[in-house]
């Protein structure tokens, strides 16, 4: 009798690597000549899963965000996990933006993924488990076809495929 193979589809970020990326970006902001004497700052709030970016104007805020994205990419943190907020006016003629980090698969997206997997007509089963989707099947090739499909047609936020057995 053939055994079943499975994997989980999740959307997570590595908080330690995210912290390291933020520290590197803060260091670059501290040493770059074009940021000397400005209010440019970056804070990471782990519990709320958010980042607060402070800058003198919108252009500088975009530059700070670009620096952060470069550091995230270098450390293997998916840049697509960033969810931009509204740019607000802050004290001392500065602007602030709260950027959230997307984690978990939303219920509507999970239902759509399960529906898409069923439409592939492969001999696999998909089920929603809290904030992840578990896919099981007898053939590894079928599971790899599901992974390829989800990479191409999945939601706009990054997905990871873990616990492959």
Protein backbone atom coordinates (compact mmCIF):
# COMPACT_ATOMS: atom_id res chain seq x y z
CA UNK A 1 0.00 0.00 0.00
CA UNK A 2 1.39 3.40 -0.98
CA UNK A 3 1.80 5.96 1.74
CA UNK A 4 0.38 9.46 1.64
CA UNK A 5 2.61 12.49 1.25
CA UNK A 6 1.67 15.96 2.45
CA UNK A 7 2.78 19.55 2.79
CA UNK A 8 1.44 22.72 4.36
CA UNK A 9 0.96 26.04 2.57
CA UNK A 10 1.68 28.92 4.95
CA UNK A 11 2.46 32.62 4.80
CA UNK A 12 4.99 33.53 7.48
CA UNK A 13 8.04 35.67 8.01
CA UNK A 14 11.14 34.88 10.02
CA UNK A 15 10.99 37.47 12.83
CA UNK A 16 14.69 37.12 13.70
CA UNK A 17 15.73 37.84 10.11
CA UNK A 18 13.19 40.69 9.92
CA UNK A 19 14.71 42.18 13.08
CA UNK A 20 18.20 41.86 11.57
CA UNK A 21 17.05 43.56 8.34
CA UNK A 22 15.57 46.46 10.36
CA UNK A 23 18.79 46.82 12.41
CA UNK A 24 20.85 46.90 9.20
CA UNK A 25 18.52 49.52 7.67
CA UNK A 26 18.72 51.63 10.87
CA UNK A 27 22.50 51.44 10.72
CA UNK A 28 22.52 52.57 7.09
CA UNK A 29 20.21 55.49 7.96
CA UNK A 30 22.63 56.49 10.73
CA UNK A 31 25.74 56.53 8.52
CA UNK A 32 24.43 57.80 5.17
CA UNK A 33 25.37 61.39 4.42
CA UNK A 34 22.00 62.28 2.86
CA UNK A 35 20.22 61.35 6.14
CA UNK A 36 22.47 63.41 8.45
CA UNK A 37 20.43 65.87 10.53
CA UNK A 38 17.06 64.49 9.39
CA UNK A 39 14.26 62.82 11.32
CA UNK A 40 14.45 59.62 9.25
CA UNK A 41 13.83 56.61 11.51
CA UNK A 42 12.57 53.05 11.38
CA UNK A 43 11.03 51.03 14.23
CA UNK A 44 9.97 47.36 14.31
CA UNK A 45 7.13 46.34 16.66
CA UNK A 46 7.27 42.54 16.89
CA UNK A 47 4.10 42.06 18.96
CA UNK A 48 1.93 44.12 16.59
CA UNK A 49 3.79 42.84 13.50
CA UNK A 50 4.23 46.42 12.26
CA UNK A 51 6.96 48.86 11.25
CA UNK A 52 6.82 52.60 11.78
CA UNK A 53 8.72 54.73 9.27
CA UNK A 54 9.38 58.38 10.05
CA UNK A 55 10.85 60.86 7.55
CA UNK A 56 11.03 64.57 6.74
CA UNK A 57 8.97 64.24 3.52
CA UNK A 58 7.37 61.60 1.28
CA UNK A 59 10.41 61.21 -0.97
CA UNK A 60 12.64 60.50 2.00
CA UNK A 61 10.06 58.04 3.37
CA UNK A 62 10.13 56.15 0.07
CA UNK A 63 13.94 56.03 0.25
CA UNK A 64 13.83 54.62 3.79
CA UNK A 65 11.33 52.00 2.63
CA UNK A 66 13.56 51.10 -0.33
CA UNK A 67 16.56 50.65 2.00
CA UNK A 68 14.45 48.36 4.21
CA UNK A 69 13.30 46.30 1.19
CA UNK A 70 16.91 45.82 0.06
CA UNK A 71 17.93 44.60 3.53
CA UNK A 72 14.90 42.28 3.70
CA UNK A 73 15.68 40.76 0.29
CA UNK A 74 19.30 40.19 1.27
CA UNK A 75 18.26 38.39 4.45
CA UNK A 76 15.66 36.21 2.70
CA UNK A 77 12.59 37.92 4.18
CA UNK A 78 9.81 38.15 1.56
CA UNK A 79 9.33 41.80 0.56
CA UNK A 80 5.77 41.00 -0.55
CA UNK A 81 4.80 40.59 3.12
CA UNK A 82 4.83 44.39 3.57
CA UNK A 83 1.36 45.98 3.64
CA UNK A 84 1.67 49.74 3.30
CA UNK A 85 -0.49 52.00 5.39
CA UNK A 86 -1.59 55.59 5.02
CA UNK A 87 1.06 58.33 5.08
CA UNK A 88 0.22 60.71 7.95
CA UNK A 89 1.59 64.04 9.04
CA UNK A 90 3.59 63.77 12.28
CA UNK A 91 5.18 66.30 14.64
CA UNK A 92 8.06 68.63 13.63
CA UNK A 93 6.95 68.78 9.96
CA UNK A 94 7.59 65.05 9.39
CA UNK A 95 5.56 62.25 7.85
CA UNK A 96 4.90 58.81 9.28
CA UNK A 97 3.71 55.55 7.78
CA UNK A 98 2.77 52.38 9.63
CA UNK A 99 3.57 49.32 7.54
CA UNK A 100 2.13 45.98 8.63
CA UNK A 101 3.63 42.56 7.96
CA UNK A 102 1.27 40.00 6.47
CA UNK A 103 1.27 36.60 8.18
CA UNK A 104 -1.16 33.73 7.83
CA UNK A 105 -3.44 32.81 4.98
CA UNK A 106 -6.76 34.64 4.97
CA UNK A 107 -9.88 32.45 5.00
CA UNK A 108 -11.19 33.66 1.62
CA UNK A 109 -7.78 33.03 0.01
CA UNK A 110 -7.60 29.58 1.63
CA UNK A 111 -11.03 28.68 0.22
CA UNK A 112 -9.97 29.91 -3.23
CA UNK A 113 -6.76 27.82 -3.02
CA UNK A 114 -8.71 24.68 -2.09
CA UNK A 115 -11.14 25.31 -4.96
CA UNK A 116 -8.26 25.85 -7.43
CA UNK A 117 -6.53 22.66 -6.24
CA UNK A 118 -9.73 20.66 -6.77
CA UNK A 119 -10.08 22.10 -10.29
CA UNK A 120 -6.63 20.75 -11.19
CA UNK A 121 -8.21 17.25 -11.27
CA UNK A 122 -5.21 15.70 -9.45
CA UNK A 123 -5.56 12.95 -6.89
CA UNK A 124 -4.89 15.23 -3.93
CA UNK A 125 -6.93 16.51 -1.03
CA UNK A 126 -6.70 20.04 0.38
CA UNK A 127 -8.06 21.14 3.71
CA UNK A 128 -7.98 24.41 5.64
CA UNK A 129 -6.35 24.20 9.07
CA UNK A 130 -6.47 27.52 10.99
CA UNK A 131 -4.20 29.87 9.00
CA UNK A 132 -2.67 27.26 6.67
CA UNK A 133 -3.75 24.81 3.98
CA UNK A 134 -2.69 21.15 4.14
CA UNK A 135 -2.42 19.24 0.86
CA UNK A 136 -2.13 15.43 0.87
CA UNK A 137 -1.77 12.90 -1.92
CA UNK A 138 -0.18 9.58 -2.86
CA UNK A 139 2.07 10.88 -5.67
CA UNK A 140 4.83 13.39 -5.01
CA UNK A 141 4.53 14.56 -8.63
CA UNK A 142 0.92 15.61 -8.00
CA UNK A 143 1.97 17.58 -4.93
CA UNK A 144 4.72 19.29 -6.90
CA UNK A 145 2.18 20.21 -9.58
CA UNK A 146 0.01 21.81 -6.86
CA UNK A 147 3.02 23.80 -5.58
CA UNK A 148 3.83 25.01 -9.10
CA UNK A 149 0.19 26.05 -9.62
CA UNK A 150 0.03 27.95 -6.32
CA UNK A 151 3.31 29.73 -7.04
CA UNK A 152 1.92 30.91 -10.36
CA UNK A 153 -1.70 31.62 -9.39
CA UNK A 154 -1.67 32.11 -5.61
CA UNK A 155 -2.50 35.27 -3.65
CA UNK A 156 -0.35 38.41 -3.95
CA UNK A 157 1.35 37.83 -0.58
CA UNK A 158 4.24 35.32 -0.31
CA UNK A 159 3.55 31.64 0.32
CA UNK A 160 5.87 29.03 1.79
CA UNK A 161 5.53 25.26 1.41
CA UNK A 162 6.60 23.49 4.60
CA UNK A 163 6.43 20.10 6.37
CA UNK A 164 6.85 18.13 3.15
CA UNK A 165 6.51 14.45 4.06
